[in-house]
Amino acid sequence: MKVYQRPDTDEYNQHYSNYIRLIPDGDIIEILNNQIDDTITLLQGLKEEQSLFKYGPDKWTIKEVIGHITDTERIMGYRILCIARGETISLPGYDDVAYVRNAHFNKVSITELLDHFKIVRQSTAQLVKSLESNDWLRRGIANNSNVSVRALINLVAGHELHHRKLIKERYIGSDQYPQ
Protein backbone atom coordinates (compact mmCIF):
# COMPACT_ATOMS: atom_id res chain seq x y z
CA MET A 1 0.00 0.00 0.00
CA LYS A 2 1.31 3.43 -0.91
CA VAL A 3 0.86 5.98 1.84
CA TYR A 4 0.25 9.57 0.90
CA GLN A 5 3.30 11.72 0.86
CA ARG A 6 2.89 15.37 -0.07
CA PRO A 7 5.10 16.32 -3.02
CA ASP A 8 7.96 18.71 -2.44
CA THR A 9 7.33 22.25 -3.67
CA ASP A 10 9.95 21.84 -6.43
CA GLU A 11 7.89 19.02 -7.97
CA TYR A 12 5.21 21.27 -9.47
CA ASN A 13 4.43 24.78 -10.66
CA GLN A 14 3.45 26.87 -7.64
CA HIS A 15 0.25 27.83 -9.46
CA TYR A 16 -1.04 24.41 -8.30
CA SER A 17 -0.08 24.76 -4.63
CA ASN A 18 -3.63 25.74 -3.61
CA TYR A 19 -4.93 22.43 -4.97
CA ILE A 20 -2.22 20.32 -3.37
CA ARG A 21 -2.68 22.02 0.02
CA LEU A 22 -6.29 20.79 0.09
CA ILE A 23 -5.31 17.12 0.24
CA PRO A 24 -5.69 15.56 3.69
CA ASP A 25 -3.13 13.14 5.08
CA GLY A 26 -3.73 9.49 4.26
CA ASP A 27 -3.51 6.99 1.44
CA ILE A 28 -3.90 8.98 -1.79
CA ILE A 29 -5.50 6.04 -3.60
CA GLU A 30 -8.10 5.82 -0.84
CA ILE A 31 -8.60 9.59 -1.06
CA LEU A 32 -9.13 9.36 -4.83
CA ASN A 33 -11.63 6.51 -4.41
CA ASN A 34 -13.54 8.24 -1.58
CA GLN A 35 -13.92 11.37 -3.67
CA ILE A 36 -16.04 9.43 -6.14
CA ASP A 37 -18.75 8.78 -3.56
CA ASP A 38 -18.47 12.25 -2.03
CA THR A 39 -18.98 14.02 -5.35
CA ILE A 40 -21.73 11.72 -6.57
CA THR A 41 -23.57 11.98 -3.24
CA LEU A 42 -23.43 15.77 -3.44
CA LEU A 43 -24.74 16.01 -6.99
CA GLN A 44 -26.72 12.91 -7.99
CA GLY A 45 -30.13 14.24 -7.03
CA LEU A 46 -29.89 17.61 -8.74
CA LYS A 47 -32.82 18.76 -10.81
CA GLU A 48 -32.10 19.95 -14.34
CA GLU A 49 -32.61 23.59 -13.35
CA GLN A 50 -30.16 23.19 -10.47
CA SER A 51 -27.52 21.51 -12.63
CA LEU A 52 -27.72 24.42 -15.10
CA PHE A 53 -27.30 27.05 -12.36
CA LYS A 54 -24.32 29.41 -12.46
CA TYR A 55 -23.61 32.00 -9.79
CA GLY A 56 -22.43 34.67 -12.23
CA PRO A 57 -22.87 35.54 -15.89
CA ASP A 58 -19.32 34.53 -16.83
CA LYS A 59 -19.24 31.39 -14.66
CA TRP A 60 -19.79 27.76 -15.62
CA THR A 61 -22.91 25.77 -14.78
CA ILE A 62 -22.62 22.87 -12.34
CA LYS A 63 -22.73 20.52 -15.35
CA GLU A 64 -19.84 22.39 -16.92
CA VAL A 65 -17.85 22.22 -13.69
CA ILE A 66 -18.29 18.44 -13.53
CA GLY A 67 -17.31 18.16 -17.19
CA HIS A 68 -14.26 20.35 -16.54
CA ILE A 69 -13.18 18.21 -13.56
CA THR A 70 -13.47 15.09 -15.72
CA ASP A 71 -11.66 16.57 -18.74
CA THR A 72 -8.86 17.82 -16.51
CA GLU A 73 -8.53 14.42 -14.88
CA ARG A 74 -8.33 12.75 -18.28
CA ILE A 75 -5.48 15.07 -19.20
CA MET A 76 -3.71 14.66 -15.85
CA GLY A 77 -4.13 10.87 -16.12
CA TYR A 78 -2.42 10.96 -19.51
CA ARG A 79 0.38 13.05 -18.03
CA ILE A 80 0.74 10.61 -15.12
CA LEU A 81 0.99 7.70 -17.57
CA CYS A 82 3.47 9.44 -19.87
CA ILE A 83 5.81 10.67 -17.17
CA ALA A 84 5.61 7.43 -15.15
CA ARG A 85 6.65 5.55 -18.29
CA GLY A 86 9.63 7.83 -18.81
CA GLU A 87 8.39 10.22 -21.50
CA THR A 88 10.99 12.89 -22.19
CA ILE A 89 9.12 15.21 -24.54
CA SER A 90 7.24 18.19 -23.17
CA LEU A 91 3.53 17.44 -22.83
CA PRO A 92 1.18 20.19 -24.08
CA GLY A 93 -1.03 22.40 -21.98
CA TYR A 94 -4.71 22.90 -22.69
CA ASP A 95 -7.23 25.72 -22.66
CA ASP A 96 -9.84 24.65 -20.10
CA VAL A 97 -12.20 27.47 -21.09
CA ALA A 98 -12.18 26.36 -24.74
CA TYR A 99 -12.64 22.72 -23.70
CA VAL A 100 -15.76 23.58 -21.70
CA ARG A 101 -17.09 25.86 -24.44
CA ASN A 102 -16.69 23.10 -27.07
CA ALA A 103 -17.92 20.17 -24.97
CA HIS A 104 -21.68 20.88 -24.79
CA PHE A 105 -21.88 19.58 -21.21
CA ASN A 106 -25.20 21.36 -20.64
CA LYS A 107 -26.86 19.03 -23.17
CA VAL A 108 -25.83 15.94 -21.17
CA SER A 109 -27.71 14.71 -18.09
CA ILE A 110 -26.08 15.20 -14.71
CA THR A 111 -26.28 11.42 -14.24
CA GLU A 112 -24.27 10.81 -17.40
CA LEU A 113 -21.70 13.45 -16.43
CA LEU A 114 -21.30 11.82 -13.01
CA ASP A 115 -20.93 8.42 -14.71
CA HIS A 116 -18.09 9.85 -16.82
CA PHE A 117 -16.47 11.31 -13.70
CA LYS A 118 -16.74 7.98 -11.88
CA ILE A 119 -15.28 5.94 -14.75
CA VAL A 120 -12.41 8.35 -15.34
CA ARG A 121 -11.63 8.51 -11.60
CA GLN A 122 -11.68 4.72 -11.31
CA SER A 123 -9.27 4.54 -14.24
CA THR A 124 -6.98 7.13 -12.65
CA ALA A 125 -7.01 5.27 -9.32
CA GLN A 126 -6.19 1.96 -11.05
CA LEU A 127 -3.30 3.58 -12.93
CA VAL A 128 -1.93 5.14 -9.74
CA LYS A 129 -2.32 1.85 -7.88
CA SER A 130 -0.27 0.07 -10.56
CA LEU A 131 2.72 2.38 -10.24
CA GLU A 132 5.87 1.40 -8.37
CA SER A 133 7.20 3.75 -5.68
CA ASN A 134 10.04 5.02 -7.90
CA ASP A 135 7.49 5.87 -10.65
CA TRP A 136 5.86 8.37 -8.30
CA LEU A 137 9.09 10.37 -8.13
CA ARG A 138 9.73 10.40 -11.88
CA ARG A 139 9.66 13.89 -13.36
CA GLY A 140 8.76 15.30 -16.72
CA ILE A 141 7.56 18.48 -18.36
CA ALA A 142 3.89 19.34 -18.82
CA ASN A 143 2.50 22.70 -19.85
CA ASN A 144 6.07 24.06 -19.92
CA SER A 145 6.63 23.23 -16.24
CA ASN A 146 8.59 20.53 -14.46
CA VAL A 147 6.30 18.15 -12.60
CA SER A 148 6.52 14.80 -10.82
CA VAL A 149 4.07 11.95 -11.09
CA ARG A 150 3.42 12.32 -7.35
CA ALA A 151 2.49 15.98 -7.82
CA LEU A 152 0.14 15.13 -10.70
CA ILE A 153 -1.61 12.49 -8.60
CA ASN A 154 -2.14 15.03 -5.85
CA LEU A 155 -3.21 17.66 -8.35
CA VAL A 156 -6.02 15.38 -9.55
CA ALA A 157 -7.40 15.00 -6.02
CA GLY A 158 -6.87 18.64 -5.07
CA HIS A 159 -8.48 19.97 -8.25
CA GLU A 160 -11.61 17.94 -7.55
CA LEU A 161 -11.71 19.11 -3.92
CA HIS A 162 -11.31 22.73 -5.03
CA HIS A 163 -14.25 22.54 -7.42
CA ARG A 164 -16.45 20.55 -5.04
CA LYS A 165 -15.87 23.26 -2.43
CA LEU A 166 -16.89 25.92 -4.97
CA ILE A 167 -20.02 23.96 -5.86
CA LYS A 168 -21.01 23.79 -2.19
CA GLU A 169 -20.24 27.43 -1.41
CA ARG A 170 -20.95 29.41 -4.57
CA TYR A 171 -23.56 27.26 -6.29
CA ILE A 172 -25.61 25.29 -3.78
CA GLY A 173 -24.85 27.88 -1.09
CA SER A 174 -26.02 30.79 -3.23
CA ASP A 175 -29.20 32.68 -2.37
CA GLN A 176 -30.05 32.44 -6.08
CA TYR A 177 -29.71 28.64 -6.24
CA PRO A 178 -33.00 27.11 -7.45
CA GLN A 179 -34.81 24.94 -4.91
C-alpha atoms as a PDB file:
ATOM      1  CA  MET A   1       0.000   0.000   0.000  1.00  0.00           C
ATOM      2  CA  LYS A   2       1.313   3.431  -0.908  1.00  0.00           C
ATOM      3  CA  VAL A   3       0.858   5.981   1.837  1.00  0.00           C
ATOM      4  CA  TYR A   4       0.248   9.571   0.901  1.00  0.00           C
ATOM      5  CA  GLN A   5       3.302  11.723   0.857  1.00  0.00           C
ATOM      6  CA  ARG A   6       2.889  15.372  -0.068  1.00  0.00           C
ATOM      7  CA  PRO A   7       5.096  16.323  -3.022  1.00  0.00           C
ATOM      8  CA  ASP A   8       7.960  18.714  -2.437  1.00  0.00           C
ATOM      9  CA  THR A   9       7.331  22.248  -3.671  1.00  0.00           C
ATOM     10  CA  ASP A  10       9.946  21.844  -6.426  1.00  0.00           C
ATOM     11  CA  GLU A  11       7.894  19.018  -7.968  1.00  0.00           C
ATOM     12  CA  TYR A  12       5.214  21.268  -9.467  1.00  0.00           C
ATOM     13  CA  ASN A  13       4.426  24.777 -10.658  1.00  0.00           C
ATOM     14  CA  GLN A  14       3.451  26.868  -7.637  1.00  0.00           C
ATOM     15  CA  HIS A  15       0.247  27.825  -9.464  1.00  0.00           C
ATOM     16  CA  TYR A  16      -1.036  24.412  -8.297  1.00  0.00           C
ATOM     17  CA  SER A  17      -0.080  24.760  -4.626  1.00  0.00           C
ATOM     18  CA  ASN A  18      -3.631  25.745  -3.611  1.00  0.00           C
ATOM     19  CA  TYR A  19      -4.929  22.426  -4.967  1.00  0.00           C
ATOM     20  CA  ILE A  20      -2.217  20.321  -3.373  1.00  0.00           C
ATOM     21  CA  ARG A  21      -2.676  22.019   0.016  1.00  0.00           C
ATOM     22  CA  LEU A  22      -6.295  20.788   0.091  1.00  0.00           C
ATOM     23  CA  ILE A  23      -5.307  17.117   0.237  1.00  0.00           C
ATOM     24  CA  PRO A  24      -5.690  15.558   3.690  1.00  0.00           C
ATOM     25  CA  ASP A  25      -3.133  13.137   5.083  1.00  0.00           C
ATOM     26  CA  GLY A  26      -3.730   9.492   4.262  1.00  0.00           C
ATOM     27  CA  ASP A  27      -3.508   6.987   1.436  1.00  0.00           C
ATOM     28  CA  ILE A  28      -3.897   8.982  -1.789  1.00  0.00           C
ATOM     29  CA  ILE A  29      -5.504   6.040  -3.600  1.00  0.00           C
ATOM     30  CA  GLU A  30      -8.104   5.815  -0.840  1.00  0.00           C
ATOM     31  CA  ILE A  31      -8.605   9.588  -1.062  1.00  0.00           C
ATOM     32  CA  LEU A  32      -9.131   9.356  -4.828  1.00  0.00           C
ATOM     33  CA  ASN A  33     -11.629   6.515  -4.405  1.00  0.00           C
ATOM     34  CA  ASN A  34     -13.539   8.241  -1.580  1.00  0.00           C
ATOM     35  CA  GLN A  35     -13.922  11.374  -3.667  1.00  0.00           C
ATOM     36  CA  ILE A  36     -16.044   9.429  -6.143  1.00  0.00           C
ATOM     37  CA  ASP A  37     -18.754   8.782  -3.558  1.00  0.00           C
ATOM     38  CA  ASP A  38     -18.469  12.250  -2.026  1.00  0.00           C
ATOM     39  CA  THR A  39     -18.977  14.020  -5.346  1.00  0.00           C
ATOM     40  CA  ILE A  40     -21.734  11.718  -6.570  1.00  0.00           C
ATOM     41  CA  THR A  41     -23.574  11.979  -3.235  1.00  0.00           C
ATOM     42  CA  LEU A  42     -23.428  15.769  -3.435  1.00  0.00           C
ATOM     43  CA  LEU A  43     -24.740  16.007  -6.994  1.00  0.00           C
ATOM     44  CA  GLN A  44     -26.715  12.914  -7.990  1.00  0.00           C
ATOM     45  CA  GLY A  45     -30.132  14.245  -7.025  1.00  0.00           C
ATOM     46  CA  LEU A  46     -29.890  17.614  -8.744  1.00  0.00           C
ATOM     47  CA  LYS A  47     -32.822  18.763 -10.806  1.00  0.00           C
ATOM     48  CA  GLU A  48     -32.099  19.948 -14.342  1.00  0.00           C
ATOM     49  CA  GLU A  49     -32.610  23.589 -13.349  1.00  0.00           C
ATOM     50  CA  GLN A  50     -30.165  23.187 -10.474  1.00  0.00           C
ATOM     51  CA  SER A  51     -27.517  21.512 -12.629  1.00  0.00           C
ATOM     52  CA  LEU A  52     -27.719  24.424 -15.096  1.00  0.00           C
ATOM     53  CA  PHE A  53     -27.296  27.050 -12.361  1.00  0.00           C
ATOM     54  CA  LYS A  54     -24.320  29.407 -12.460  1.00  0.00           C
ATOM     55  CA  TYR A  55     -23.611  31.995  -9.792  1.00  0.00           C
ATOM     56  CA  GLY A  56     -22.433  34.673 -12.226  1.00  0.00           C
ATOM     57  CA  PRO A  57     -22.871  35.541 -15.886  1.00  0.00           C
ATOM     58  CA  ASP A  58     -19.319  34.528 -16.833  1.00  0.00           C
ATOM     59  CA  LYS A  59     -19.242  31.386 -14.655  1.00  0.00           C
ATOM     60  CA  TRP A  60     -19.789  27.757 -15.622  1.00  0.00           C
ATOM     61  CA  THR A  61     -22.915  25.772 -14.778  1.00  0.00           C
ATOM     62  CA  ILE A  62     -22.624  22.869 -12.340  1.00  0.00           C
ATOM     63  CA  LYS A  63     -22.729  20.518 -15.346  1.00  0.00           C
ATOM     64  CA  GLU A  64     -19.844  22.393 -16.921  1.00  0.00           C
ATOM     65  CA  VAL A  65     -17.855  22.224 -13.685  1.00  0.00           C
ATOM     66  CA  ILE A  66     -18.288  18.438 -13.531  1.00  0.00           C
ATOM     67  CA  GLY A  67     -17.307  18.157 -17.190  1.00  0.00           C
ATOM     68  CA  HIS A  68     -14.262  20.349 -16.539  1.00  0.00           C
ATOM     69  CA  ILE A  69     -13.185  18.213 -13.564  1.00  0.00           C
ATOM     70  CA  THR A  70     -13.471  15.092 -15.722  1.00  0.00           C
ATOM     71  CA  ASP A  71     -11.664  16.571 -18.737  1.00  0.00           C
ATOM     72  CA  THR A  72      -8.862  17.825 -16.506  1.00  0.00           C
ATOM     73  CA  GLU A  73      -8.533  14.424 -14.884  1.00  0.00           C
ATOM     74  CA  ARG A  74      -8.329  12.745 -18.283  1.00  0.00           C
ATOM     75  CA  ILE A  75      -5.476  15.069 -19.200  1.00  0.00           C
ATOM     76  CA  MET A  76      -3.713  14.655 -15.852  1.00  0.00           C
ATOM     77  CA  GLY A  77      -4.132  10.871 -16.122  1.00  0.00           C
ATOM     78  CA  TYR A  78      -2.424  10.958 -19.512  1.00  0.00           C
ATOM     79  CA  ARG A  79       0.379  13.048 -18.029  1.00  0.00           C
ATOM     80  CA  ILE A  80       0.740  10.608 -15.118  1.00  0.00           C
ATOM     81  CA  LEU A  81       0.989   7.703 -17.575  1.00  0.00           C
ATOM     82  CA  CYS A  82       3.468   9.441 -19.866  1.00  0.00           C
ATOM     83  CA  ILE A  83       5.814  10.667 -17.166  1.00  0.00           C
ATOM     84  CA  ALA A  84       5.615   7.433 -15.149  1.00  0.00           C
ATOM     85  CA  ARG A  85       6.647   5.549 -18.293  1.00  0.00           C
ATOM     86  CA  GLY A  86       9.628   7.832 -18.813  1.00  0.00           C
ATOM     87  CA  GLU A  87       8.386  10.221 -21.501  1.00  0.00           C
ATOM     88  CA  THR A  88      10.993  12.886 -22.187  1.00  0.00           C
ATOM     89  CA  ILE A  89       9.122  15.207 -24.544  1.00  0.00           C
ATOM     90  CA  SER A  90       7.242  18.186 -23.170  1.00  0.00           C
ATOM     91  CA  LEU A  91       3.530  17.443 -22.835  1.00  0.00           C
ATOM     92  CA  PRO A  92       1.179  20.188 -24.078  1.00  0.00           C
ATOM     93  CA  GLY A  93      -1.027  22.402 -21.981  1.00  0.00           C
ATOM     94  CA  TYR A  94      -4.708  22.900 -22.690  1.00  0.00           C
ATOM     95  CA  ASP A  95      -7.233  25.716 -22.658  1.00  0.00           C
ATOM     96  CA  ASP A  96      -9.843  24.645 -20.100  1.00  0.00           C
ATOM     97  CA  VAL A  97     -12.196  27.467 -21.093  1.00  0.00           C
ATOM     98  CA  ALA A  98     -12.175  26.356 -24.736  1.00  0.00           C
ATOM     99  CA  TYR A  99     -12.639  22.719 -23.705  1.00  0.00           C
ATOM    100  CA  VAL A 100     -15.758  23.579 -21.701  1.00  0.00           C
ATOM    101  CA  ARG A 101     -17.087  25.858 -24.442  1.00  0.00           C
ATOM    102  CA  ASN A 102     -16.691  23.104 -27.067  1.00  0.00           C
ATOM    103  CA  ALA A 103     -17.921  20.173 -24.968  1.00  0.00           C
ATOM    104  CA  HIS A 104     -21.678  20.879 -24.792  1.00  0.00           C
ATOM    105  CA  PHE A 105     -21.879  19.578 -21.207  1.00  0.00           C
ATOM    106  CA  ASN A 106     -25.203  21.362 -20.639  1.00  0.00           C
ATOM    107  CA  LYS A 107     -26.860  19.026 -23.167  1.00  0.00           C
ATOM    108  CA  VAL A 108     -25.829  15.939 -21.171  1.00  0.00           C
ATOM    109  CA  SER A 109     -27.709  14.708 -18.093  1.00  0.00           C
ATOM    110  CA  ILE A 110     -26.081  15.198 -14.711  1.00  0.00           C
ATOM    111  CA  THR A 111     -26.283  11.424 -14.244  1.00  0.00           C
ATOM    112  CA  GLU A 112     -24.269  10.815 -17.399  1.00  0.00           C
ATOM    113  CA  LEU A 113     -21.696  13.450 -16.427  1.00  0.00           C
ATOM    114  CA  LEU A 114     -21.304  11.824 -13.012  1.00  0.00           C
ATOM    115  CA  ASP A 115     -20.932   8.424 -14.706  1.00  0.00           C
ATOM    116  CA  HIS A 116     -18.090   9.854 -16.825  1.00  0.00           C
ATOM    117  CA  PHE A 117     -16.472  11.308 -13.705  1.00  0.00           C
ATOM    118  CA  LYS A 118     -16.742   7.977 -11.875  1.00  0.00           C
ATOM    119  CA  ILE A 119     -15.282   5.944 -14.745  1.00  0.00           C
ATOM    120  CA  VAL A 120     -12.411   8.351 -15.337  1.00  0.00           C
ATOM    121  CA  ARG A 121     -11.628   8.513 -11.603  1.00  0.00           C
ATOM    122  CA  GLN A 122     -11.678   4.724 -11.311  1.00  0.00           C
ATOM    123  CA  SER A 123      -9.275   4.544 -14.241  1.00  0.00           C
ATOM    124  CA  THR A 124      -6.977   7.127 -12.645  1.00  0.00           C
ATOM    125  CA  ALA A 125      -7.010   5.272  -9.325  1.00  0.00           C
ATOM    126  CA  GLN A 126      -6.187   1.964 -11.046  1.00  0.00           C
ATOM    127  CA  LEU A 127      -3.297   3.580 -12.932  1.00  0.00           C
ATOM    128  CA  VAL A 128      -1.929   5.138  -9.742  1.00  0.00           C
ATOM    129  CA  LYS A 129      -2.319   1.847  -7.877  1.00  0.00           C
ATOM    130  CA  SER A 130      -0.275   0.065 -10.556  1.00  0.00           C
ATOM    131  CA  LEU A 131       2.724   2.377 -10.237  1.00  0.00           C
ATOM    132  CA  GLU A 132       5.869   1.399  -8.373  1.00  0.00           C
ATOM    133  CA  SER A 133       7.201   3.754  -5.682  1.00  0.00           C
ATOM    134  CA  ASN A 134      10.036   5.017  -7.904  1.00  0.00           C
ATOM    135  CA  ASP A 135       7.487   5.872 -10.655  1.00  0.00           C
ATOM    136  CA  TRP A 136       5.856   8.374  -8.304  1.00  0.00           C
ATOM    137  CA  LEU A 137       9.090  10.369  -8.127  1.00  0.00           C
ATOM    138  CA  ARG A 138       9.728  10.404 -11.878  1.00  0.00           C
ATOM    139  CA  ARG A 139       9.655  13.894 -13.362  1.00  0.00           C
ATOM    140  CA  GLY A 140       8.764  15.302 -16.720  1.00  0.00           C
ATOM    141  CA  ILE A 141       7.557  18.478 -18.363  1.00  0.00           C
ATOM    142  CA  ALA A 142       3.890  19.336 -18.824  1.00  0.00           C
ATOM    143  CA  ASN A 143       2.495  22.699 -19.852  1.00  0.00           C
ATOM    144  CA  ASN A 144       6.068  24.062 -19.921  1.00  0.00           C
ATOM    145  CA  SER A 145       6.626  23.227 -16.235  1.00  0.00           C
ATOM    146  CA  ASN A 146       8.592  20.529 -14.462  1.00  0.00           C
ATOM    147  CA  VAL A 147       6.303  18.149 -12.604  1.00  0.00           C
ATOM    148  CA  SER A 148       6.524  14.800 -10.821  1.00  0.00           C
ATOM    149  CA  VAL A 149       4.072  11.946 -11.086  1.00  0.00           C
ATOM    150  CA  ARG A 150       3.422  12.317  -7.349  1.00  0.00           C
ATOM    151  CA  ALA A 151       2.489  15.976  -7.816  1.00  0.00           C
ATOM    152  CA  LEU A 152       0.138  15.131 -10.703  1.00  0.00           C
ATOM    153  CA  ILE A 153      -1.614  12.493  -8.602  1.00  0.00           C
ATOM    154  CA  ASN A 154      -2.140  15.035  -5.849  1.00  0.00           C
ATOM    155  CA  LEU A 155      -3.209  17.664  -8.346  1.00  0.00           C
ATOM    156  CA  VAL A 156      -6.020  15.384  -9.548  1.00  0.00           C
ATOM    157  CA  ALA A 157      -7.396  15.003  -6.023  1.00  0.00           C
ATOM    158  CA  GLY A 158      -6.868  18.643  -5.069  1.00  0.00           C
ATOM    159  CA  HIS A 159      -8.478  19.972  -8.254  1.00  0.00           C
ATOM    160  CA  GLU A 160     -11.614  17.937  -7.554  1.00  0.00           C
ATOM    161  CA  LEU A 161     -11.709  19.106  -3.924  1.00  0.00           C
ATOM    162  CA  HIS A 162     -11.313  22.734  -5.025  1.00  0.00           C
ATOM    163  CA  HIS A 163     -14.246  22.543  -7.421  1.00  0.00           C
ATOM    164  CA  ARG A 164     -16.454  20.547  -5.037  1.00  0.00           C
ATOM    165  CA  LYS A 165     -15.873  23.264  -2.427  1.00  0.00           C
ATOM    166  CA  LEU A 166     -16.886  25.924  -4.972  1.00  0.00           C
ATOM    167  CA  ILE A 167     -20.019  23.956  -5.861  1.00  0.00           C
ATOM    168  CA  LYS A 168     -21.009  23.789  -2.194  1.00  0.00           C
ATOM    169  CA  GLU A 169     -20.238  27.425  -1.410  1.00  0.00           C
ATOM    170  CA  ARG A 170     -20.952  29.405  -4.572  1.00  0.00           C
ATOM    171  CA  TYR A 171     -23.561  27.260  -6.294  1.00  0.00           C
ATOM    172  CA  ILE A 172     -25.608  25.287  -3.782  1.00  0.00           C
ATOM    173  CA  GLY A 173     -24.849  27.877  -1.088  1.00  0.00           C
ATOM    174  CA  SER A 174     -26.017  30.792  -3.228  1.00  0.00           C
ATOM    175  CA  ASP A 175     -29.202  32.683  -2.366  1.00  0.00           C
ATOM    176  CA  GLN A 176     -30.046  32.442  -6.083  1.00  0.00           C
ATOM    177  CA  TYR A 177     -29.706  28.639  -6.243  1.00  0.00           C
ATOM    178  CA  PRO A 178     -32.999  27.106  -7.451  1.00  0.00           C
ATOM    179  CA  GLN A 179     -34.810  24.944  -4.914  1.00  0.00           C
END
